[in-house]
PDB file of N, CA and C in Angstrom:
ATOM      1  N   MET A   1       0.702  -1.009   0.000  1.00  0.00           N
ATOM      2  CA  MET A   1       0.511  -0.165  -0.056  1.00  0.00           C
ATOM      3  C   MET A   1       0.574   1.179  -0.105  1.00  0.00           C
ATOM      4  N   LYS A   2       2.128   1.077   0.571  1.00  0.00           N
ATOM      5  CA  LYS A   2       2.797   2.267   1.095  1.00  0.00           C
ATOM      6  C   LYS A   2       3.128   2.628  -0.391  1.00  0.00           C
ATOM      7  N   HIS A   3       3.741   1.975  -1.557  1.00  0.00           N
ATOM      8  CA  HIS A   3       4.263   2.351  -2.280  1.00  0.00           C
ATOM      9  C   HIS A   3       3.220   2.381  -3.643  1.00  0.00           C
ATOM     10  N   ILE A   4       2.074   2.089  -3.665  1.00  0.00           N
ATOM     11  CA  ILE A   4       0.509   2.192  -4.412  1.00  0.00           C
ATOM     12  C   ILE A   4       0.536   3.945  -4.381  1.00  0.00           C
ATOM     13  N   GLU A   5       0.642   4.233  -2.576  1.00  0.00           N
ATOM     14  CA  GLU A   5      -0.169   5.892  -2.001  1.00  0.00           C
ATOM     15  C   GLU A   5       1.524   6.386  -2.765  1.00  0.00           C
ATOM     16  N   LYS A   6       2.715   5.472  -2.848  1.00  0.00           N
ATOM     17  CA  LYS A   6       3.655   6.644  -2.612  1.00  0.00           C
ATOM     18  C   LYS A   6       3.218   6.872  -4.598  1.00  0.00           C
ATOM     19  N   LYS A   7       3.651   6.442  -5.690  1.00  0.00           N
ATOM     20  CA  LYS A   7       3.250   6.741  -6.931  1.00  0.00           C
ATOM     21  C   LYS A   7       2.131   6.786  -7.321  1.00  0.00           C
ATOM     22  N   MET A   8       0.747   6.735  -7.001  1.00  0.00           N
ATOM     23  CA  MET A   8      -0.055   8.593  -6.667  1.00  0.00           C
ATOM     24  C   MET A   8       0.007  10.006  -6.928  1.00  0.00           C
ATOM     25  N   ARG A   9       0.915   9.812  -5.428  1.00  0.00           N
ATOM     26  CA  ARG A   9       0.574  11.337  -4.801  1.00  0.00           C
ATOM     27  C   ARG A   9       2.119  11.658  -5.615  1.00  0.00           C
ATOM     28  N   GLU A  10       3.122  11.173  -6.327  1.00  0.00           N
ATOM     29  CA  GLU A  10       3.707  11.113  -7.348  1.00  0.00           C
ATOM     30  C   GLU A  10       2.709  11.857  -8.751  1.00  0.00           C
ATOM     31  N   GLU A  11       1.496  11.267  -8.992  1.00  0.00           N
ATOM     32  CA  GLU A  11       0.696  11.558 -10.069  1.00  0.00           C
ATOM     33  C   GLU A  11      -0.244  13.031  -9.765  1.00  0.00           C
ATOM     34  N   GLY A  12      -0.551  13.392  -8.536  1.00  0.00           N
ATOM     35  CA  GLY A  12      -1.354  14.193  -8.055  1.00  0.00           C
ATOM     36  C   GLY A  12      -2.431  13.870  -7.217  1.00  0.00           C
ATOM     37  N   ILE A  13      -2.832  11.801  -7.261  1.00  0.00           N
ATOM     38  CA  ILE A  13      -3.837  11.428  -7.102  1.00  0.00           C
ATOM     39  C   ILE A  13      -3.429  11.077  -5.371  1.00  0.00           C
ATOM     40  N   HIS A  14      -4.494  12.062  -4.505  1.00  0.00           N
ATOM     41  CA  HIS A  14      -4.062  11.738  -2.652  1.00  0.00           C
ATOM     42  C   HIS A  14      -4.975  10.668  -2.294  1.00  0.00           C
ATOM     43  N   GLU A  15      -4.724   9.875  -1.210  1.00  0.00           N
ATOM     44  CA  GLU A  15      -5.475   9.173  -0.557  1.00  0.00           C
ATOM     45  C   GLU A  15      -6.856   9.517  -0.329  1.00  0.00           C
ATOM     46  N   PRO A  16      -8.093   8.997   0.054  1.00  0.00           N
ATOM     47  CA  PRO A  16      -9.462   9.583  -0.069  1.00  0.00           C
ATOM     48  C   PRO A  16      -9.216  10.396   1.755  1.00  0.00           C
ATOM     49  N   LEU A  17      -9.996  11.246   1.332  1.00  0.00           N
ATOM     50  CA  LEU A  17     -10.444  12.106   2.526  1.00  0.00           C
ATOM     51  C   LEU A  17     -11.332  10.988   3.550  1.00  0.00           C
ATOM     52  N   TRP A  18     -11.493  10.316   3.094  1.00  0.00           N
ATOM     53  CA  TRP A  18     -13.076   9.558   4.874  1.00  0.00           C
ATOM     54  C   TRP A  18     -12.427   8.373   5.339  1.00  0.00           C
ATOM     55  N   ASP A  19     -11.214   8.758   4.993  1.00  0.00           N
ATOM     56  CA  ASP A  19     -10.293   7.400   5.814  1.00  0.00           C
ATOM     57  C   ASP A  19      -8.857   8.165   6.496  1.00  0.00           C
ATOM     58  N   LYS A  20      -9.670   8.768   7.490  1.00  0.00           N
ATOM     59  CA  LYS A  20      -7.833   9.268   8.197  1.00  0.00           C
ATOM     60  C   LYS A  20      -8.168   8.533   8.873  1.00  0.00           C
ATOM     61  N   GLY A  21      -7.156   7.974   9.720  1.00  0.00           N
ATOM     62  CA  GLY A  21      -6.583   6.887  10.517  1.00  0.00           C
ATOM     63  C   GLY A  21      -7.452   5.579  10.923  1.00  0.00           C
ATOM     64  N   LEU A  22      -8.918   5.152  10.029  1.00  0.00           N
ATOM     65  CA  LEU A  22      -8.964   4.591  10.229  1.00  0.00           C
ATOM     66  C   LEU A  22      -9.038   2.843   9.177  1.00  0.00           C
ATOM     67  N   GLY A  23      -7.826   2.962   7.786  1.00  0.00           N
ATOM     68  CA  GLY A  23      -7.435   1.678   7.466  1.00  0.00           C
ATOM     69  C   GLY A  23      -8.265   1.205   6.744  1.00  0.00           C
ATOM     70  N   ILE A  24      -9.159   2.009   6.720  1.00  0.00           N
ATOM     71  CA  ILE A  24     -10.023   1.150   5.985  1.00  0.00           C
ATOM     72  C   ILE A  24     -10.288   0.980   4.183  1.00  0.00           C
ATOM     73  N   ARG A  25      -9.520   1.708   3.630  1.00  0.00           N
ATOM     74  CA  ARG A  25      -9.351   1.618   2.293  1.00  0.00           C
ATOM     75  C   ARG A  25      -8.133   0.978   1.893  1.00  0.00           C
ATOM     76  N   ILE A  26      -7.429   0.000   2.871  1.00  0.00           N
ATOM     77  CA  ILE A  26      -6.158  -0.842   2.477  1.00  0.00           C
ATOM     78  C   ILE A  26      -7.451  -2.403   1.964  1.00  0.00           C
ATOM     79  N   ASN A  27      -8.561  -2.307   2.477  1.00  0.00           N
ATOM     80  CA  ASN A  27      -9.000  -3.943   2.047  1.00  0.00           C
ATOM     81  C   ASN A  27      -9.820  -3.220   0.812  1.00  0.00           C
ATOM     82  N   MET A  28      -9.656  -1.988   0.845  1.00  0.00           N
ATOM     83  CA  MET A  28     -10.348  -1.636  -0.482  1.00  0.00           C
ATOM     84  C   MET A  28      -9.345  -1.990  -1.737  1.00  0.00           C
ATOM     85  N   TYR A  29      -8.201  -1.193  -1.485  1.00  0.00           N
ATOM     86  CA  TYR A  29      -7.602  -1.747  -2.139  1.00  0.00           C
ATOM     87  C   TYR A  29      -6.784  -2.977  -2.855  1.00  0.00           C
ATOM     88  N   ALA A  30      -7.088  -3.897  -1.852  1.00  0.00           N
ATOM     89  CA  ALA A  30      -6.666  -5.920  -2.049  1.00  0.00           C
ATOM     90  C   ALA A  30      -7.626  -5.833  -2.254  1.00  0.00           C
ATOM     91  N   ILE A  31      -9.257  -4.946  -2.934  1.00  0.00           N
ATOM     92  CA  ILE A  31     -10.438  -5.887  -3.294  1.00  0.00           C
ATOM     93  C   ILE A  31      -9.846  -5.974  -5.019  1.00  0.00           C
ATOM     94  N   VAL A  32      -9.653  -4.345  -5.162  1.00  0.00           N
ATOM     95  CA  VAL A  32      -9.322  -3.852  -6.132  1.00  0.00           C
ATOM     96  C   VAL A  32      -8.189  -4.871  -6.847  1.00  0.00           C
ATOM     97  N   ILE A  33      -7.210  -5.171  -6.122  1.00  0.00           N
ATOM     98  CA  ILE A  33      -5.773  -5.786  -6.694  1.00  0.00           C
ATOM     99  C   ILE A  33      -6.016  -6.846  -6.855  1.00  0.00           C
ATOM    100  N   ARG A  34      -7.584  -7.549  -6.427  1.00  0.00           N
ATOM    101  CA  ARG A  34      -7.859  -8.477  -6.509  1.00  0.00           C
ATOM    102  C   ARG A  34      -8.581  -9.561  -7.649  1.00  0.00           C
ATOM    103  N   ARG A  35      -9.715  -8.159  -7.583  1.00  0.00           N
ATOM    104  CA  ARG A  35     -10.151  -8.139  -8.677  1.00  0.00           C
ATOM    105  C   ARG A  35      -9.196  -7.921 -10.007  1.00  0.00           C
ATOM    106  N   GLN A  36      -8.493  -7.105 -10.258  1.00  0.00           N
ATOM    107  CA  GLN A  36      -7.955  -6.603 -11.605  1.00  0.00           C
ATOM    108  C   GLN A  36      -9.050  -6.176 -12.546  1.00  0.00           C
ATOM    109  N   LYS A  37      -9.994  -6.233 -12.345  1.00  0.00           N
ATOM    110  CA  LYS A  37     -10.475  -4.897 -12.988  1.00  0.00           C
ATOM    111  C   LYS A  37     -11.080  -3.706 -13.026  1.00  0.00           C
ATOM    112  N   LEU A  38     -11.225  -2.616 -13.465  1.00  0.00           N
ATOM    113  CA  LEU A  38     -12.928  -1.478 -12.354  1.00  0.00           C
ATOM    114  C   LEU A  38     -13.456  -1.604 -12.453  1.00  0.00           C
ATOM    115  N   ALA A  39     -14.051  -1.378 -11.455  1.00  0.00           N
ATOM    116  CA  ALA A  39     -15.274  -0.885 -10.932  1.00  0.00           C
ATOM    117  C   ALA A  39     -16.431  -0.263 -11.674  1.00  0.00           C
ATOM    118  N   LYS A  40     -17.919  -0.696 -11.663  1.00  0.00           N
ATOM    119  CA  LYS A  40     -18.783   0.492 -12.262  1.00  0.00           C
ATOM    120  C   LYS A  40     -17.798   2.099 -10.882  1.00  0.00           C
ATOM    121  N   ALA A  41     -18.733   1.701 -10.402  1.00  0.00           N
ATOM    122  CA  ALA A  41     -19.131   2.526  -8.845  1.00  0.00           C
ATOM    123  C   ALA A  41     -17.764   1.964  -8.092  1.00  0.00           C
ATOM    124  N   THR A  42     -16.691   3.183  -7.871  1.00  0.00           N
ATOM    125  CA  THR A  42     -16.465   2.707  -6.763  1.00  0.00           C
ATOM    126  C   THR A  42     -15.725   4.295  -5.168  1.00  0.00           C
ATOM    127  N   ILE A  43     -15.240   4.008  -4.753  1.00  0.00           N
ATOM    128  CA  ILE A  43     -14.570   4.777  -3.210  1.00  0.00           C
ATOM    129  C   ILE A  43     -13.331   5.205  -3.889  1.00  0.00           C
ATOM    130  N   VAL A  44     -12.833   4.320  -4.192  1.00  0.00           N
ATOM    131  CA  VAL A  44     -11.058   4.513  -4.515  1.00  0.00           C
ATOM    132  C   VAL A  44     -10.577   4.424  -5.914  1.00  0.00           C
ATOM    133  N   ASN A  45      -9.745   5.239  -6.096  1.00  0.00           N
ATOM    134  CA  ASN A  45      -9.115   4.860  -7.833  1.00  0.00           C
ATOM    135  C   ASN A  45      -8.994   3.698  -8.431  1.00  0.00           C
ATOM    136  N   ASP A  46      -9.862   3.289  -8.720  1.00  0.00           N
ATOM    137  CA  ASP A  46      -9.283   1.691  -9.382  1.00  0.00           C
ATOM    138  C   ASP A  46      -8.408   1.709 -10.764  1.00  0.00           C
ATOM    139  N   GLU A  47      -8.654   2.533 -11.258  1.00  0.00           N
ATOM    140  CA  GLU A  47      -7.251   2.446 -12.494  1.00  0.00           C
ATOM    141  C   GLU A  47      -6.193   2.803 -11.725  1.00  0.00           C
ATOM    142  N   ALA A  48      -5.481   3.672 -10.978  1.00  0.00           N
ATOM    143  CA  ALA A  48      -3.929   4.260 -10.275  1.00  0.00           C
ATOM    144  C   ALA A  48      -3.748   3.128  -9.426  1.00  0.00           C
ATOM    145  N   ILE A  49      -4.580   2.403  -8.826  1.00  0.00           N
ATOM    146  CA  ILE A  49      -3.998   1.317  -8.297  1.00  0.00           C
ATOM    147  C   ILE A  49      -3.564   0.602  -8.388  1.00  0.00           C
ATOM    148  N   LEU A  50      -4.460  -0.139 -10.171  1.00  0.00           N
ATOM    149  CA  LEU A  50      -4.141  -1.158 -10.589  1.00  0.00           C
ATOM    150  C   LEU A  50      -2.554  -0.926 -11.880  1.00  0.00           C
ATOM    151  N   ARG A  51      -2.695   0.506 -12.288  1.00  0.00           N
ATOM    152  CA  ARG A  51      -1.302   0.638 -11.907  1.00  0.00           C
ATOM    153  C   ARG A  51      -0.651   0.853 -11.814  1.00  0.00           C
ATOM    154  N   HIS A  52      -0.448   0.994 -10.837  1.00  0.00           N
ATOM    155  CA  HIS A  52       0.426   1.291  -9.772  1.00  0.00           C
ATOM    156  C   HIS A  52       1.179  -0.467  -9.107  1.00  0.00           C
ATOM    157  N   ALA A  53       0.020  -1.577  -8.796  1.00  0.00           N
ATOM    158  CA  ALA A  53      -0.322  -2.544  -8.248  1.00  0.00           C
ATOM    159  C   ALA A  53       1.841  -3.320  -8.883  1.00  0.00           C
ATOM    160  N   ARG A  54       1.855  -3.897  -7.719  1.00  0.00           N
ATOM    161  CA  ARG A  54       3.185  -4.707  -8.424  1.00  0.00           C
ATOM    162  C   ARG A  54       2.543  -6.210  -8.519  1.00  0.00           C
ATOM    163  N   PRO A  55       3.240  -7.505  -8.860  1.00  0.00           N
ATOM    164  CA  PRO A  55       2.729  -8.644  -8.769  1.00  0.00           C
ATOM    165  C   PRO A  55       2.851  -9.355  -6.951  1.00  0.00           C
ATOM    166  N   ILE A  56       4.049  -8.176  -6.135  1.00  0.00           N
ATOM    167  CA  ILE A  56       3.565  -8.779  -4.850  1.00  0.00           C
ATOM    168  C   ILE A  56       2.635  -8.868  -4.390  1.00  0.00           C
ATOM    169  N   ASP A  57       1.947  -7.055  -4.689  1.00  0.00           N
ATOM    170  CA  ASP A  57       0.770  -7.049  -4.001  1.00  0.00           C
ATOM    171  C   ASP A  57      -0.193  -8.073  -4.023  1.00  0.00           C
ATOM    172  N   LEU A  58      -0.481  -7.923  -5.626  1.00  0.00           N
ATOM    173  CA  LEU A  58      -1.878  -9.308  -5.333  1.00  0.00           C
ATOM    174  C   LEU A  58      -1.567 -10.289  -4.511  1.00  0.00           C
ATOM    175  N   PHE A  59      -0.222 -10.891  -4.282  1.00  0.00           N
ATOM    176  CA  PHE A  59       0.261 -11.895  -3.211  1.00  0.00           C
ATOM    177  C   PHE A  59      -0.590 -11.527  -1.485  1.00  0.00           C
ATOM    178  N   LEU A  60       0.206 -10.141  -1.435  1.00  0.00           N
ATOM    179  CA  LEU A  60      -0.366  -9.556   0.139  1.00  0.00           C
ATOM    180  C   LEU A  60      -1.733  -9.325   0.275  1.00  0.00           C
ATOM    181  N   ALA A  61      -2.342  -9.010  -1.334  1.00  0.00           N
ATOM    182  CA  ALA A  61      -3.969  -9.034  -0.785  1.00  0.00           C
ATOM    183  C   ALA A  61      -4.336 -10.329  -0.770  1.00  0.00           C
ATOM    184  N   ARG A  62      -4.017 -11.696  -1.640  1.00  0.00           N
ATOM    185  CA  ARG A  62      -4.318 -12.970  -1.229  1.00  0.00           C
ATOM    186  C   ARG A  62      -4.367 -13.424   0.037  1.00  0.00           C
ATOM    187  N   VAL A  63      -3.230 -13.076   0.705  1.00  0.00           N
ATOM    188  CA  VAL A  63      -3.075 -13.988   1.683  1.00  0.00           C
ATOM    189  C   VAL A  63      -3.801 -12.472   2.977  1.00  0.00           C
ATOM    190  N   MET A  64      -3.375 -11.508   2.886  1.00  0.00           N
ATOM    191  CA  MET A  64      -4.783 -10.489   3.679  1.00  0.00           C
ATOM    192  C   MET A  64      -5.963 -11.093   3.927  1.00  0.00           C
ATOM    193  N   HIS A  65      -6.487 -11.376   3.134  1.00  0.00           N
ATOM    194  CA  HIS A  65      -8.329 -12.018   2.482  1.00  0.00           C
ATOM    195  C   HIS A  65      -8.441 -13.417   3.345  1.00  0.00           C
ATOM    196  N   TYR A  66      -7.597 -14.456   2.875  1.00  0.00           N
ATOM    197  CA  TYR A  66      -7.363 -15.589   3.273  1.00  0.00           C
ATOM    198  C   TYR A  66      -7.451 -15.451   4.649  1.00  0.00           C
ATOM    199  N   THR A  67      -6.143 -14.775   5.785  1.00  0.00           N
ATOM    200  CA  THR A  67      -5.369 -15.113   7.243  1.00  0.00           C
ATOM    201  C   THR A  67      -6.783 -14.251   7.135  1.00  0.00           C
ATOM    202  N   PHE A  68      -7.998 -13.375   6.960  1.00  0.00           N
ATOM    203  CA  PHE A  68      -9.379 -12.905   7.506  1.00  0.00           C
ATOM    204  C   PHE A  68     -10.061 -14.089   7.536  1.00  0.00           C
ATOM    205  N   THR A  69     -10.486 -14.187   7.278  1.00  0.00           N
ATOM    206  CA  THR A  69     -11.087 -15.575   6.734  1.00  0.00           C
ATOM    207  C   THR A  69     -10.781 -17.089   7.726  1.00  0.00           C
ATOM    208  N   ILE A  70      -9.790 -16.931   7.350  1.00  0.00           N
ATOM    209  CA  ILE A  70      -9.314 -17.843   8.374  1.00  0.00           C
ATOM    210  C   ILE A  70      -9.623 -17.632  10.348  1.00  0.00           C
ATOM    211  N   THR A  71      -9.441 -16.305  10.073  1.00  0.00           N
ATOM    212  CA  THR A  71      -9.650 -15.650  11.894  1.00  0.00           C
ATOM    213  C   THR A  71     -10.824 -15.745  11.945  1.00  0.00           C
ATOM    214  N   MET A  72     -11.593 -15.775  11.287  1.00  0.00           N
ATOM    215  CA  MET A  72     -13.081 -15.406  11.671  1.00  0.00           C
ATOM    216  C   MET A  72     -13.241 -17.265  11.331  1.00  0.00           C
ATOM    217  N   ILE A  73     -12.962 -17.795  10.714  1.00  0.00           N
ATOM    218  CA  ILE A  73     -13.368 -19.220  10.970  1.00  0.00           C
ATOM    219  C   ILE A  73     -13.537 -19.241  12.356  1.00  0.00           C
ATOM    220  N   LEU A  74     -12.150 -19.528  12.801  1.00  0.00           N
ATOM    221  CA  LEU A  74     -11.286 -20.430  13.864  1.00  0.00           C
ATOM    222  C   LEU A  74     -12.299 -18.890  14.806  1.00  0.00           C
ATOM    223  N   ALA A  75     -12.600 -17.828  15.420  1.00  0.00           N
ATOM    224  CA  ALA A  75     -13.585 -16.657  15.998  1.00  0.00           C
ATOM    225  C   ALA A  75     -15.232 -17.132  16.497  1.00  0.00           C
ATOM    226  N   VAL A  76     -15.356 -18.250  15.088  1.00  0.00           N
ATOM    227  CA  VAL A  76     -17.170 -18.813  15.403  1.00  0.00           C
ATOM    228  C   VAL A  76     -16.738 -20.289  16.046  1.00  0.00           C
ATOM    229  N   TYR A  77     -15.959 -20.731  15.380  1.00  0.00           N
ATOM    230  CA  TYR A  77     -15.715 -21.813  16.565  1.00  0.00           C
ATOM    231  C   TYR A  77     -14.991 -21.528  17.893  1.00  0.00           C
ATOM    232  N   GLY A  78     -14.378 -20.620  18.070  1.00  0.00           N
ATOM    233  CA  GLY A  78     -14.018 -20.472  19.563  1.00  0.00           C
ATOM    234  C   GLY A  78     -15.959 -20.306  20.282  1.00  0.00           C
ATOM    235  N   TYR A  79     -15.908 -19.254  19.585  1.00  0.00           N
ATOM    236  CA  TYR A  79     -17.647 -19.259  20.561  1.00  0.00           C
ATOM    237  C   TYR A  79     -18.509 -20.138  20.588  1.00  0.00           C
ATOM    238  N   PHE A  80     -18.558 -20.748  19.904  1.00  0.00           N
ATOM    239  CA  PHE A  80     -19.454 -22.061  20.190  1.00  0.00           C
ATOM    240  C   PHE A  80     -18.644 -23.048  20.557  1.00  0.00           C
ATOM    241  N   ALA A  81     -17.581 -23.754  20.991  1.00  0.00           N
ATOM    242  CA  ALA A  81     -16.896 -24.552  20.771  1.00  0.00           C
ATOM    243  C   ALA A  81     -16.935 -24.332  22.270  1.00  0.00           C
ATOM    244  N   TYR A  82     -16.167 -23.180  23.017  1.00  0.00           N
ATOM    245  CA  TYR A  82     -15.986 -23.164  24.058  1.00  0.00           C
ATOM    246  C   TYR A  82     -16.896 -22.190  24.899  1.00  0.00           C
ATOM    247  N   ASP A  83     -17.941 -21.991  24.355  1.00  0.00           N
ATOM    248  CA  ASP A  83     -19.313 -21.095  25.192  1.00  0.00           C
ATOM    249  C   ASP A  83     -18.709 -19.893  25.489  1.00  0.00           C
ATOM    250  N   LEU A  84     -18.009 -19.365  24.433  1.00  0.00           N
ATOM    251  CA  LEU A  84     -17.184 -17.939  25.040  1.00  0.00           C
ATOM    252  C   LEU A  84     -18.236 -16.822  25.769  1.00  0.00           C
ATOM    253  N   GLY A  85     -19.682 -17.000  24.645  1.00  0.00           N
ATOM    254  CA  GLY A  85     -19.878 -16.063  24.465  1.00  0.00           C
ATOM    255  C   GLY A  85     -21.008 -16.090  26.533  1.00  0.00           C
ATOM    256  N   GLU A  86     -20.802 -17.082  27.266  1.00  0.00           N
ATOM    257  CA  GLU A  86     -21.674 -17.638  28.459  1.00  0.00           C
ATOM    258  C   GLU A  86     -20.779 -17.356  29.256  1.00  0.00           C
ATOM    259  N   ARG A  87     -19.791 -16.902  29.670  1.00  0.00           N
ATOM    260  CA  ARG A  87     -18.000 -16.679  30.556  1.00  0.00           C
ATOM    261  C   ARG A  87     -18.275 -14.892  31.258  1.00  0.00           C
ATOM    262  N   ALA A  88     -18.212 -15.088  32.476  1.00  0.00           N
ATOM    263  CA  ALA A  88     -18.253 -13.816  33.263  1.00  0.00           C
ATOM    264  C   ALA A  88     -17.596 -14.187  33.977  1.00  0.00           C
ATOM    265  N   TYR A  89     -16.369 -12.878  33.518  1.00  0.00           N
ATOM    266  CA  TYR A  89     -14.951 -12.929  34.872  1.00  0.00           C
ATOM    267  C   TYR A  89     -15.554 -12.133  35.487  1.00  0.00           C
TER     268      TYR A  89
END
């Protein structure tokens, strides 16, 4: 993401103003990179992201999405398997 945003800033394209400190744009960039095509309506600059994305960025986007999915599956499993919702400390 740092590489992509640096190249975009050199072109005069700045990061979205709606994402000050939240980091939601990271997921949006990863979605664009994994999809590998422009969307009809988007809140990030798909064309610039795809233009500056490197092959390693595609790998990192996949890793990010896979680890998020695995984490959510484990969290749901842990909630039901260990009944974490009923514990009170």
